[in-house]
């Protein structure tokens, strides 16, 4: 069994191993939080798909469609938060 197959079948253990690695901090804790989230998301993608985004050879139009879908979801989340602020939730 290769490393990717092992990680897929042992997802919790693989995540635990990856979470213990050292991160490169900046002087800004907010930036560090974003960097750590990006690294975590990359790790999850590697475990799920078995390759990096760079190695993924989908057509440019597909990348654009996926980005649009993500941004539309973000708009929905922001509208929901805005409603919460207005209603005091």
C-alpha atoms as a PDB file:
ATOM      1  CA  UNK A   1       0.000   0.000   0.000  1.00  0.00           C
ATOM      2  CA  UNK A   2       1.467   3.371  -0.961  1.00  0.00           C
ATOM      3  CA  UNK A   3       1.450   6.405   1.349  1.00  0.00           C
ATOM      4  CA  UNK A   4      -1.607   8.008  -0.237  1.00  0.00           C
ATOM      5  CA  UNK A   5      -3.653   4.806  -0.028  1.00  0.00           C
ATOM      6  CA  UNK A   6      -2.604   4.356   3.597  1.00  0.00           C
ATOM      7  CA  UNK A   7      -3.542   7.964   4.416  1.00  0.00           C
ATOM      8  CA  UNK A   8      -6.949   7.575   2.791  1.00  0.00           C
ATOM      9  CA  UNK A   9      -7.735   4.484   4.847  1.00  0.00           C
ATOM     10  CA  UNK A  10      -6.281   5.976   8.048  1.00  0.00           C
ATOM     11  CA  UNK A  11      -7.505   9.564   7.684  1.00  0.00           C
ATOM     12  CA  UNK A  12      -7.600  10.463  11.387  1.00  0.00           C
ATOM     13  CA  UNK A  13      -4.106   9.091  12.001  1.00  0.00           C
ATOM     14  CA  UNK A  14      -2.744  10.847   8.904  1.00  0.00           C
ATOM     15  CA  UNK A  15      -4.261  14.162  10.005  1.00  0.00           C
ATOM     16  CA  UNK A  16      -2.725  13.738  13.457  1.00  0.00           C
ATOM     17  CA  UNK A  17       0.707  13.149  11.933  1.00  0.00           C
ATOM     18  CA  UNK A  18       0.394  16.190   9.677  1.00  0.00           C
ATOM     19  CA  UNK A  19      -0.900  18.469  12.444  1.00  0.00           C
ATOM     20  CA  UNK A  20       2.275  18.025  14.477  1.00  0.00           C
ATOM     21  CA  UNK A  21       4.628  19.534  11.935  1.00  0.00           C
ATOM     22  CA  UNK A  22       6.285  22.878  12.472  1.00  0.00           C
ATOM     23  CA  UNK A  23       4.760  25.897  10.769  1.00  0.00           C
ATOM     24  CA  UNK A  24       6.633  28.997   9.621  1.00  0.00           C
ATOM     25  CA  UNK A  25       5.255  31.851  11.699  1.00  0.00           C
ATOM     26  CA  UNK A  26       5.132  35.507  10.800  1.00  0.00           C
ATOM     27  CA  UNK A  27       4.864  38.351  13.291  1.00  0.00           C
ATOM     28  CA  UNK A  28       1.123  38.562  12.593  1.00  0.00           C
ATOM     29  CA  UNK A  29      -0.985  35.926  14.368  1.00  0.00           C
ATOM     30  CA  UNK A  30      -3.891  36.441  11.961  1.00  0.00           C
ATOM     31  CA  UNK A  31      -1.646  35.789   8.967  1.00  0.00           C
ATOM     32  CA  UNK A  32      -0.296  32.698  10.742  1.00  0.00           C
ATOM     33  CA  UNK A  33      -3.833  31.431  11.251  1.00  0.00           C
ATOM     34  CA  UNK A  34      -4.599  31.860   7.536  1.00  0.00           C
ATOM     35  CA  UNK A  35      -1.328  30.158   6.546  1.00  0.00           C
ATOM     36  CA  UNK A  36      -2.067  27.231   8.857  1.00  0.00           C
ATOM     37  CA  UNK A  37      -5.570  26.877   7.421  1.00  0.00           C
ATOM     38  CA  UNK A  38      -4.141  26.846   3.896  1.00  0.00           C
ATOM     39  CA  UNK A  39      -1.620  24.157   4.836  1.00  0.00           C
ATOM     40  CA  UNK A  40      -4.339  22.092   6.536  1.00  0.00           C
ATOM     41  CA  UNK A  41      -6.580  22.397   3.468  1.00  0.00           C
ATOM     42  CA  UNK A  42      -3.702  21.371   1.216  1.00  0.00           C
ATOM     43  CA  UNK A  43      -3.017  18.347   3.419  1.00  0.00           C
ATOM     44  CA  UNK A  44      -6.675  17.321   3.271  1.00  0.00           C
ATOM     45  CA  UNK A  45      -6.665  17.691  -0.516  1.00  0.00           C
ATOM     46  CA  UNK A  46      -3.566  15.537  -0.798  1.00  0.00           C
ATOM     47  CA  UNK A  47      -5.190  12.866   1.352  1.00  0.00           C
ATOM     48  CA  UNK A  48      -8.438  13.028  -0.613  1.00  0.00           C
ATOM     49  CA  UNK A  49      -7.108  13.345  -4.185  1.00  0.00           C
ATOM     50  CA  UNK A  50      -3.532  12.064  -3.943  1.00  0.00           C
ATOM     51  CA  UNK A  51      -1.944  14.984  -5.791  1.00  0.00           C
ATOM     52  CA  UNK A  52      -1.273  18.712  -5.514  1.00  0.00           C
ATOM     53  CA  UNK A  53      -3.313  21.425  -7.193  1.00  0.00           C
ATOM     54  CA  UNK A  54      -0.322  22.000  -9.482  1.00  0.00           C
ATOM     55  CA  UNK A  55      -0.432  18.363 -10.582  1.00  0.00           C
ATOM     56  CA  UNK A  56      -4.168  18.531 -11.332  1.00  0.00           C
ATOM     57  CA  UNK A  57      -4.638  18.834 -15.087  1.00  0.00           C
ATOM     58  CA  UNK A  58      -8.246  19.965 -15.416  1.00  0.00           C
ATOM     59  CA  UNK A  59      -9.204  22.475 -18.128  1.00  0.00           C
ATOM     60  CA  UNK A  60      -8.922  26.183 -17.330  1.00  0.00           C
ATOM     61  CA  UNK A  61     -12.671  26.643 -17.695  1.00  0.00           C
ATOM     62  CA  UNK A  62     -13.235  24.024 -14.982  1.00  0.00           C
ATOM     63  CA  UNK A  63     -10.904  25.891 -12.600  1.00  0.00           C
ATOM     64  CA  UNK A  64     -12.883  29.078 -13.288  1.00  0.00           C
ATOM     65  CA  UNK A  65     -16.222  27.322 -12.725  1.00  0.00           C
ATOM     66  CA  UNK A  66     -15.033  25.889  -9.416  1.00  0.00           C
ATOM     67  CA  UNK A  67     -13.759  29.297  -8.254  1.00  0.00           C
ATOM     68  CA  UNK A  68     -17.107  30.882  -9.161  1.00  0.00           C
ATOM     69  CA  UNK A  69     -18.955  28.199  -7.179  1.00  0.00           C
ATOM     70  CA  UNK A  70     -16.743  28.810  -4.136  1.00  0.00           C
ATOM     71  CA  UNK A  71     -17.250  32.581  -4.344  1.00  0.00           C
ATOM     72  CA  UNK A  72     -21.015  32.203  -4.710  1.00  0.00           C
ATOM     73  CA  UNK A  73     -21.027  30.077  -1.557  1.00  0.00           C
ATOM     74  CA  UNK A  74     -19.011  32.795   0.203  1.00  0.00           C
ATOM     75  CA  UNK A  75     -21.591  35.395  -0.875  1.00  0.00           C
ATOM     76  CA  UNK A  76     -24.380  33.299   0.636  1.00  0.00           C
ATOM     77  CA  UNK A  77     -22.455  32.961   3.906  1.00  0.00           C
ATOM     78  CA  UNK A  78     -21.819  36.712   4.032  1.00  0.00           C
ATOM     79  CA  UNK A  79     -25.473  37.548   3.365  1.00  0.00           C
ATOM     80  CA  UNK A  80     -26.458  35.176   6.175  1.00  0.00           C
ATOM     81  CA  UNK A  81     -24.004  36.831   8.564  1.00  0.00           C
ATOM     82  CA  UNK A  82     -25.265  40.265   7.546  1.00  0.00           C
ATOM     83  CA  UNK A  83     -28.813  39.150   8.358  1.00  0.00           C
ATOM     84  CA  UNK A  84     -27.616  37.927  11.757  1.00  0.00           C
ATOM     85  CA  UNK A  85     -26.091  41.329  12.467  1.00  0.00           C
ATOM     86  CA  UNK A  86     -29.323  43.108  11.514  1.00  0.00           C
ATOM     87  CA  UNK A  87     -31.526  40.843  13.624  1.00  0.00           C
ATOM     88  CA  UNK A  88     -29.114  40.721  16.557  1.00  0.00           C
ATOM     89  CA  UNK A  89     -28.593  36.968  16.437  1.00  0.00           C
END
